[in-house]
Amino acid sequence: MSPSPNTPGLRTLQFGEQLDALLGPIRARATELNTQSGRNVPLLIKIAPDMSAEEVALMAESIARNALDGVIATNTTVSRAG
């Protein structure tokens, strides 16, 4: 899968079980590396600006479940309207 934010279907990975399946192992590995190094490197996620309120709520639940340290609240938009 291409890392491009414009790849069809890529944005579906932003929610629910698919997002948790990505974040869980990343959080676990980051915690392990932080413990080994004695450092605390924050784990952040960059979110898309084109989400509905329901989608934002779903993402926030995953962020909390996986104990991320922060959010980068800008990314590539699919719409230039506005």
PDB file of N, CA and C in Angstrom:
ATOM      1  N   MET A   1       0.843  -1.171   0.000  1.00  0.00           N
ATOM      2  CA  MET A   1       0.000   0.000   0.000  1.00  0.00           C
ATOM      3  C   MET A   1       0.891   1.238   0.000  1.00  0.00           C
ATOM      4  N   SER A   2       0.556   2.185  -0.817  1.00  0.00           N
ATOM      5  CA  SER A   2       1.299   3.425  -0.909  1.00  0.00           C
ATOM      6  C   SER A   2       1.059   4.301   0.317  1.00  0.00           C
ATOM      7  N   PRO A   3       2.072   5.056   0.763  1.00  0.00           N
ATOM      8  CA  PRO A   3       1.871   5.929   1.912  1.00  0.00           C
ATOM      9  C   PRO A   3       1.106   7.205   1.580  1.00  0.00           C
ATOM     10  N   SER A   4       0.727   7.395   0.324  1.00  0.00           N
ATOM     11  CA  SER A   4       0.037   8.607  -0.094  1.00  0.00           C
ATOM     12  C   SER A   4      -1.314   8.753   0.594  1.00  0.00           C
ATOM     13  N   PRO A   5      -1.629   9.947   1.111  1.00  0.00           N
ATOM     14  CA  PRO A   5      -2.948  10.155   1.727  1.00  0.00           C
ATOM     15  C   PRO A   5      -4.065  10.147   0.697  1.00  0.00           C
ATOM     16  N   ASN A   6      -3.721  10.172  -0.577  1.00  0.00           N
ATOM     17  CA  ASN A   6      -4.723  10.169  -1.637  1.00  0.00           C
ATOM     18  C   ASN A   6      -4.976   8.774  -2.201  1.00  0.00           C
ATOM     19  N   THR A   7      -4.411   7.753  -1.585  1.00  0.00           N
ATOM     20  CA  THR A   7      -4.603   6.373  -2.022  1.00  0.00           C
ATOM     21  C   THR A   7      -6.018   5.932  -1.685  1.00  0.00           C
ATOM     22  N   PRO A   8      -6.755   5.402  -2.667  1.00  0.00           N
ATOM     23  CA  PRO A   8      -8.132   4.954  -2.380  1.00  0.00           C
ATOM     24  C   PRO A   8      -8.164   3.962  -1.223  1.00  0.00           C
ATOM     25  N   GLY A   9      -9.082   4.202  -0.285  1.00  0.00           N
ATOM     26  CA  GLY A   9      -9.271   3.296   0.838  1.00  0.00           C
ATOM     27  C   GLY A   9      -8.328   3.504   2.003  1.00  0.00           C
ATOM     28  N   LEU A  10      -7.279   4.291   1.823  1.00  0.00           N
ATOM     29  CA  LEU A  10      -6.302   4.474   2.899  1.00  0.00           C
ATOM     30  C   LEU A  10      -6.930   5.134   4.120  1.00  0.00           C
ATOM     31  N   ARG A  11      -7.842   6.055   3.902  1.00  0.00           N
ATOM     32  CA  ARG A  11      -8.461   6.774   5.021  1.00  0.00           C
ATOM     33  C   ARG A  11      -9.356   5.888   5.875  1.00  0.00           C
ATOM     34  N   THR A  12      -9.763   4.729   5.368  1.00  0.00           N
ATOM     35  CA  THR A  12     -10.579   3.822   6.189  1.00  0.00           C
ATOM     36  C   THR A  12      -9.782   3.254   7.352  1.00  0.00           C
ATOM     37  N   LEU A  13      -8.461   3.368   7.300  1.00  0.00           N
ATOM     38  CA  LEU A  13      -7.617   2.876   8.392  1.00  0.00           C
ATOM     39  C   LEU A  13      -7.617   3.817   9.586  1.00  0.00           C
ATOM     40  N   GLN A  14      -8.363   4.924   9.509  1.00  0.00           N
ATOM     41  CA  GLN A  14      -8.381   5.925  10.569  1.00  0.00           C
ATOM     42  C   GLN A  14      -9.330   5.598  11.704  1.00  0.00           C
ATOM     43  N   PHE A  15     -10.100   4.521  11.617  1.00  0.00           N
ATOM     44  CA  PHE A  15     -11.179   4.310  12.570  1.00  0.00           C
ATOM     45  C   PHE A  15     -11.228   2.886  13.101  1.00  0.00           C
ATOM     46  N   GLY A  16     -11.756   2.765  14.318  1.00  0.00           N
ATOM     47  CA  GLY A  16     -12.145   1.491  14.907  1.00  0.00           C
ATOM     48  C   GLY A  16     -11.079   0.429  14.936  1.00  0.00           C
ATOM     49  N   GLU A  17     -11.496  -0.784  14.624  1.00  0.00           N
ATOM     50  CA  GLU A  17     -10.616  -1.947  14.726  1.00  0.00           C
ATOM     51  C   GLU A  17      -9.394  -1.828  13.829  1.00  0.00           C
ATOM     52  N   GLN A  18      -9.557  -1.246  12.641  1.00  0.00           N
ATOM     53  CA  GLN A  18      -8.402  -1.119  11.747  1.00  0.00           C
ATOM     54  C   GLN A  18      -7.349  -0.180  12.336  1.00  0.00           C
ATOM     55  N   LEU A  19      -7.797   0.912  12.917  1.00  0.00           N
ATOM     56  CA  LEU A  19      -6.847   1.832  13.544  1.00  0.00           C
ATOM     57  C   LEU A  19      -6.223   1.194  14.774  1.00  0.00           C
ATOM     58  N   ASP A  20      -7.028   0.537  15.594  1.00  0.00           N
ATOM     59  CA  ASP A  20      -6.490  -0.142  16.779  1.00  0.00           C
ATOM     60  C   ASP A  20      -5.473  -1.215  16.396  1.00  0.00           C
ATOM     61  N   ALA A  21      -5.724  -1.916  15.289  1.00  0.00           N
ATOM     62  CA  ALA A  21      -4.789  -2.950  14.832  1.00  0.00           C
ATOM     63  C   ALA A  21      -3.442  -2.348  14.440  1.00  0.00           C
ATOM     64  N   LEU A  22      -3.438  -1.111  14.000  1.00  0.00           N
ATOM     65  CA  LEU A  22      -2.188  -0.426  13.679  1.00  0.00           C
ATOM     66  C   LEU A  22      -1.538   0.166  14.933  1.00  0.00           C
ATOM     67  N   LEU A  23      -2.342   0.829  15.747  1.00  0.00           N
ATOM     68  CA  LEU A  23      -1.792   1.549  16.886  1.00  0.00           C
ATOM     69  C   LEU A  23      -1.337   0.653  18.030  1.00  0.00           C
ATOM     70  N   GLY A  24      -2.036  -0.434  18.268  1.00  0.00           N
ATOM     71  CA  GLY A  24      -1.683  -1.315  19.384  1.00  0.00           C
ATOM     72  C   GLY A  24      -0.235  -1.780  19.344  1.00  0.00           C
ATOM     73  N   PRO A  25       0.193  -2.406  18.254  1.00  0.00           N
ATOM     74  CA  PRO A  25       1.586  -2.861  18.185  1.00  0.00           C
ATOM     75  C   PRO A  25       2.598  -1.715  18.175  1.00  0.00           C
ATOM     76  N   ILE A  26       2.227  -0.596  17.569  1.00  0.00           N
ATOM     77  CA  ILE A  26       3.133   0.551  17.558  1.00  0.00           C
ATOM     78  C   ILE A  26       3.306   1.093  18.971  1.00  0.00           C
ATOM     79  N   ARG A  27       2.203   1.220  19.705  1.00  0.00           N
ATOM     80  CA  ARG A  27       2.279   1.706  21.093  1.00  0.00           C
ATOM     81  C   ARG A  27       3.118   0.753  21.944  1.00  0.00           C
ATOM     82  N   ALA A  28       2.898  -0.549  21.778  1.00  0.00           N
ATOM     83  CA  ALA A  28       3.642  -1.536  22.561  1.00  0.00           C
ATOM     84  C   ALA A  28       5.141  -1.442  22.277  1.00  0.00           C
ATOM     85  N   ARG A  29       5.509  -1.311  21.022  1.00  0.00           N
ATOM     86  CA  ARG A  29       6.923  -1.223  20.659  1.00  0.00           C
ATOM     87  C   ARG A  29       7.530   0.089  21.138  1.00  0.00           C
ATOM     88  N   ALA A  30       6.790   1.179  21.013  1.00  0.00           N
ATOM     89  CA  ALA A  30       7.287   2.476  21.484  1.00  0.00           C
ATOM     90  C   ALA A  30       7.529   2.433  22.989  1.00  0.00           C
ATOM     91  N   THR A  31       6.618   1.832  23.725  1.00  0.00           N
ATOM     92  CA  THR A  31       6.773   1.707  25.173  1.00  0.00           C
ATOM     93  C   THR A  31       8.011   0.879  25.501  1.00  0.00           C
ATOM     94  N   GLU A  32       8.196  -0.208  24.788  1.00  0.00           N
ATOM     95  CA  GLU A  32       9.366  -1.066  24.991  1.00  0.00           C
ATOM     96  C   GLU A  32      10.660  -0.294  24.729  1.00  0.00           C
ATOM     97  N   LEU A  33      10.715   0.428  23.627  1.00  0.00           N
ATOM     98  CA  LEU A  33      11.918   1.194  23.292  1.00  0.00           C
ATOM     99  C   LEU A  33      12.166   2.313  24.295  1.00  0.00           C
ATOM    100  N   ASN A  34      11.095   2.974  24.724  1.00  0.00           N
ATOM    101  CA  ASN A  34      11.250   4.029  25.736  1.00  0.00           C
ATOM    102  C   ASN A  34      11.806   3.456  27.032  1.00  0.00           C
ATOM    103  N   THR A  35      11.316   2.294  27.437  1.00  0.00           N
ATOM    104  CA  THR A  35      11.787   1.650  28.671  1.00  0.00           C
ATOM    105  C   THR A  35      13.253   1.263  28.540  1.00  0.00           C
ATOM    106  N   GLN A  36      13.612   0.674  27.411  1.00  0.00           N
ATOM    107  CA  GLN A  36      14.996   0.243  27.196  1.00  0.00           C
ATOM    108  C   GLN A  36      15.965   1.418  27.171  1.00  0.00           C
ATOM    109  N   SER A  37      15.540   2.524  26.578  1.00  0.00           N
ATOM    110  CA  SER A  37      16.440   3.668  26.408  1.00  0.00           C
ATOM    111  C   SER A  37      16.414   4.629  27.594  1.00  0.00           C
ATOM    112  N   GLY A  38      15.403   4.499  28.448  1.00  0.00           N
ATOM    113  CA  GLY A  38      15.259   5.434  29.553  1.00  0.00           C
ATOM    114  C   GLY A  38      14.755   6.792  29.102  1.00  0.00           C
ATOM    115  N   ARG A  39      14.255   6.854  27.884  1.00  0.00           N
ATOM    116  CA  ARG A  39      13.719   8.097  27.328  1.00  0.00           C
ATOM    117  C   ARG A  39      12.216   7.966  27.175  1.00  0.00           C
ATOM    118  N   ASN A  40      11.558   9.087  26.944  1.00  0.00           N
ATOM    119  CA  ASN A  40      10.136   9.065  26.646  1.00  0.00           C
ATOM    120  C   ASN A  40       9.903   9.829  25.352  1.00  0.00           C
ATOM    121  N   VAL A  41       9.997   9.110  24.240  1.00  0.00           N
ATOM    122  CA  VAL A  41       9.749   9.705  22.941  1.00  0.00           C
ATOM    123  C   VAL A  41       8.246   9.636  22.696  1.00  0.00           C
ATOM    124  N   PRO A  42       7.585  10.780  22.516  1.00  0.00           N
ATOM    125  CA  PRO A  42       6.131  10.770  22.371  1.00  0.00           C
ATOM    126  C   PRO A  42       5.680  10.106  21.080  1.00  0.00           C
ATOM    127  N   LEU A  43       4.518   9.482  21.145  1.00  0.00           N
ATOM    128  CA  LEU A  43       3.899   8.850  19.987  1.00  0.00           C
ATOM    129  C   LEU A  43       2.709   9.701  19.584  1.00  0.00           C
ATOM    130  N   LEU A  44       2.782  10.259  18.375  1.00  0.00           N
ATOM    131  CA  LEU A  44       1.757  11.165  17.867  1.00  0.00           C
ATOM    132  C   LEU A  44       1.063  10.547  16.662  1.00  0.00           C
ATOM    133  N   ILE A  45      -0.138  11.027  16.379  1.00  0.00           N
ATOM    134  CA  ILE A  45      -0.860  10.606  15.188  1.00  0.00           C
ATOM    135  C   ILE A  45      -1.318  11.853  14.450  1.00  0.00           C
ATOM    136  N   LYS A  46      -1.202  11.826  13.125  1.00  0.00           N
ATOM    137  CA  LYS A  46      -1.645  12.937  12.292  1.00  0.00           C
ATOM    138  C   LYS A  46      -3.011  12.567  11.722  1.00  0.00           C
ATOM    139  N   ILE A  47      -3.985  13.453  11.891  1.00  0.00           N
ATOM    140  CA  ILE A  47      -5.343  13.142  11.461  1.00  0.00           C
ATOM    141  C   ILE A  47      -5.757  14.016  10.283  1.00  0.00           C
ATOM    142  N   ALA A  48      -6.726  13.514   9.535  1.00  0.00           N
ATOM    143  CA  ALA A  48      -7.249  14.224   8.378  1.00  0.00           C
ATOM    144  C   ALA A  48      -8.244  15.297   8.805  1.00  0.00           C
ATOM    145  N   PRO A  49      -8.334  16.382   8.044  1.00  0.00           N
ATOM    146  CA  PRO A  49      -9.271  17.444   8.391  1.00  0.00           C
ATOM    147  C   PRO A  49     -10.687  17.207   7.884  1.00  0.00           C
ATOM    148  N   ASP A  50     -10.902  16.160   7.132  1.00  0.00           N
ATOM    149  CA  ASP A  50     -12.179  15.943   6.457  1.00  0.00           C
ATOM    150  C   ASP A  50     -13.077  14.938   7.162  1.00  0.00           C
ATOM    151  N   MET A  51     -12.979  14.834   8.466  1.00  0.00           N
ATOM    152  CA  MET A  51     -13.760  13.838   9.191  1.00  0.00           C
ATOM    153  C   MET A  51     -15.042  14.454   9.752  1.00  0.00           C
ATOM    154  N   SER A  52     -16.060  13.615   9.832  1.00  0.00           N
ATOM    155  CA  SER A  52     -17.311  14.017  10.477  1.00  0.00           C
ATOM    156  C   SER A  52     -17.104  13.993  11.990  1.00  0.00           C
ATOM    157  N   ALA A  53     -18.055  14.547  12.724  1.00  0.00           N
ATOM    158  CA  ALA A  53     -17.980  14.528  14.189  1.00  0.00           C
ATOM    159  C   ALA A  53     -17.944  13.088  14.696  1.00  0.00           C
ATOM    160  N   GLU A  54     -18.708  12.205  14.080  1.00  0.00           N
ATOM    161  CA  GLU A  54     -18.716  10.796  14.485  1.00  0.00           C
ATOM    162  C   GLU A  54     -17.353  10.154  14.241  1.00  0.00           C
ATOM    163  N   GLU A  55     -16.740  10.455  13.110  1.00  0.00           N
ATOM    164  CA  GLU A  55     -15.420   9.905  12.802  1.00  0.00           C
ATOM    165  C   GLU A  55     -14.364  10.426  13.771  1.00  0.00           C
ATOM    166  N   VAL A  56     -14.439  11.694  14.121  1.00  0.00           N
ATOM    167  CA  VAL A  56     -13.502  12.269  15.099  1.00  0.00           C
ATOM    168  C   VAL A  56     -13.663  11.553  16.442  1.00  0.00           C
ATOM    169  N   ALA A  57     -14.914  11.300  16.839  1.00  0.00           N
ATOM    170  CA  ALA A  57     -15.164  10.597  18.105  1.00  0.00           C
ATOM    171  C   ALA A  57     -14.580   9.188  18.075  1.00  0.00           C
ATOM    172  N   LEU A  58     -14.743   8.481  16.965  1.00  0.00           N
ATOM    173  CA  LEU A  58     -14.181   7.127  16.839  1.00  0.00           C
ATOM    174  C   LEU A  58     -12.662   7.162  16.918  1.00  0.00           C
ATOM    175  N   MET A  59     -12.065   8.136  16.248  1.00  0.00           N
ATOM    176  CA  MET A  59     -10.611   8.248  16.290  1.00  0.00           C
ATOM    177  C   MET A  59     -10.144   8.590  17.701  1.00  0.00           C
ATOM    178  N   ALA A  60     -10.850   9.495  18.368  1.00  0.00           N
ATOM    179  CA  ALA A  60     -10.477   9.877  19.735  1.00  0.00           C
ATOM    180  C   ALA A  60     -10.520   8.670  20.669  1.00  0.00           C
ATOM    181  N   GLU A  61     -11.490   7.802  20.476  1.00  0.00           N
ATOM    182  CA  GLU A  61     -11.568   6.588  21.306  1.00  0.00           C
ATOM    183  C   GLU A  61     -10.345   5.712  21.084  1.00  0.00           C
ATOM    184  N   SER A  62      -9.926   5.547  19.836  1.00  0.00           N
ATOM    185  CA  SER A  62      -8.730   4.745  19.544  1.00  0.00           C
ATOM    186  C   SER A  62      -7.475   5.393  20.108  1.00  0.00           C
ATOM    187  N   ILE A  63      -7.396   6.712  20.001  1.00  0.00           N
ATOM    188  CA  ILE A  63      -6.241   7.436  20.543  1.00  0.00           C
ATOM    189  C   ILE A  63      -6.146   7.223  22.053  1.00  0.00           C
ATOM    190  N   ALA A  64      -7.274   7.301  22.735  1.00  0.00           N
ATOM    191  CA  ALA A  64      -7.287   7.076  24.189  1.00  0.00           C
ATOM    192  C   ALA A  64      -6.977   5.627  24.531  1.00  0.00           C
ATOM    193  N   ARG A  65      -7.589   4.688  23.809  1.00  0.00           N
ATOM    194  CA  ARG A  65      -7.356   3.260  24.083  1.00  0.00           C
ATOM    195  C   ARG A  65      -5.887   2.887  23.943  1.00  0.00           C
ATOM    196  N   ASN A  66      -5.210   3.515  22.991  1.00  0.00           N
ATOM    197  CA  ASN A  66      -3.826   3.166  22.698  1.00  0.00           C
ATOM    198  C   ASN A  66      -2.820   4.133  23.319  1.00  0.00           C
ATOM    199  N   ALA A  67      -3.307   5.000  24.203  1.00  0.00           N
ATOM    200  CA  ALA A  67      -2.462   5.898  24.996  1.00  0.00           C
ATOM    201  C   ALA A  67      -1.458   6.689  24.155  1.00  0.00           C
ATOM    202  N   LEU A  68      -1.938   7.252  23.045  1.00  0.00           N
ATOM    203  CA  LEU A  68      -1.063   8.112  22.262  1.00  0.00           C
ATOM    204  C   LEU A  68      -0.797   9.392  23.033  1.00  0.00           C
ATOM    205  N   ASP A  69       0.321  10.014  22.725  1.00  0.00           N
ATOM    206  CA  ASP A  69       0.744  11.193  23.474  1.00  0.00           C
ATOM    207  C   ASP A  69       0.240  12.501  22.884  1.00  0.00           C
ATOM    208  N   GLY A  70      -0.182  12.475  21.633  1.00  0.00           N
ATOM    209  CA  GLY A  70      -0.648  13.716  21.035  1.00  0.00           C
ATOM    210  C   GLY A  70      -1.205  13.519  19.648  1.00  0.00           C
ATOM    211  N   VAL A  71      -1.765  14.605  19.124  1.00  0.00           N
ATOM    212  CA  VAL A  71      -2.403  14.600  17.809  1.00  0.00           C
ATOM    213  C   VAL A  71      -1.870  15.769  17.001  1.00  0.00           C
ATOM    214  N   ILE A  72      -1.528  15.508  15.764  1.00  0.00           N
ATOM    215  CA  ILE A  72      -1.216  16.556  14.798  1.00  0.00           C
ATOM    216  C   ILE A  72      -2.507  16.733  14.007  1.00  0.00           C
ATOM    217  N   ALA A  73      -3.155  17.856  14.193  1.00  0.00           N
ATOM    218  CA  ALA A  73      -4.532  18.011  13.721  1.00  0.00           C
ATOM    219  C   ALA A  73      -4.631  18.612  12.325  1.00  0.00           C
ATOM    220  N   THR A  74      -3.646  18.352  11.486  1.00  0.00           N
ATOM    221  CA  THR A  74      -3.728  18.777  10.091  1.00  0.00           C
ATOM    222  C   THR A  74      -3.144  17.693   9.211  1.00  0.00           C
ATOM    223  N   ASN A  75      -3.682  17.587   8.052  1.00  0.00           N
ATOM    224  CA  ASN A  75      -3.192  16.624   7.065  1.00  0.00           C
ATOM    225  C   ASN A  75      -3.755  17.037   5.727  1.00  0.00           C
ATOM    226  N   THR A  76      -3.534  16.245   4.705  1.00  0.00           N
ATOM    227  CA  THR A  76      -4.025  16.547   3.367  1.00  0.00           C
ATOM    228  C   THR A  76      -5.532  16.449   3.320  1.00  0.00           C
ATOM    229  N   THR A  77      -6.162  17.444   2.753  1.00  0.00           N
ATOM    230  CA  THR A  77      -7.613  17.449   2.624  1.00  0.00           C
ATOM    231  C   THR A  77      -8.023  16.850   1.283  1.00  0.00           C
ATOM    232  N   VAL A  78      -9.218  16.331   1.227  1.00  0.00           N
ATOM    233  CA  VAL A  78      -9.768  15.833  -0.033  1.00  0.00           C
ATOM    234  C   VAL A  78     -10.654  16.876  -0.674  1.00  0.00           C
ATOM    235  N   SER A  79     -10.859  18.003   0.010  1.00  0.00           N
ATOM    236  CA  SER A  79     -11.737  19.040  -0.483  1.00  0.00           C
ATOM    237  C   SER A  79     -11.077  20.406  -0.303  1.00  0.00           C
ATOM    238  N   ARG A  80     -11.152  21.213  -1.311  1.00  0.00           N
ATOM    239  CA  ARG A  80     -10.615  22.576  -1.222  1.00  0.00           C
ATOM    240  C   ARG A  80     -11.742  23.592  -1.001  1.00  0.00           C
ATOM    241  N   ALA A  81     -12.964  23.116  -0.882  1.00  0.00           N
ATOM    242  CA  ALA A  81     -14.106  24.000  -0.679  1.00  0.00           C
ATOM    243  C   ALA A  81     -14.037  24.649   0.695  1.00  0.00           C
ATOM    244  N   GLY A  82     -14.585  25.818   0.787  1.00  0.00           N
ATOM    245  CA  GLY A  82     -14.709  26.315   2.108  1.00  0.00           C
ATOM    246  C   GLY A  82     -14.278  27.640   2.419  1.00  0.00           C
TER     247      GLY A  82
END
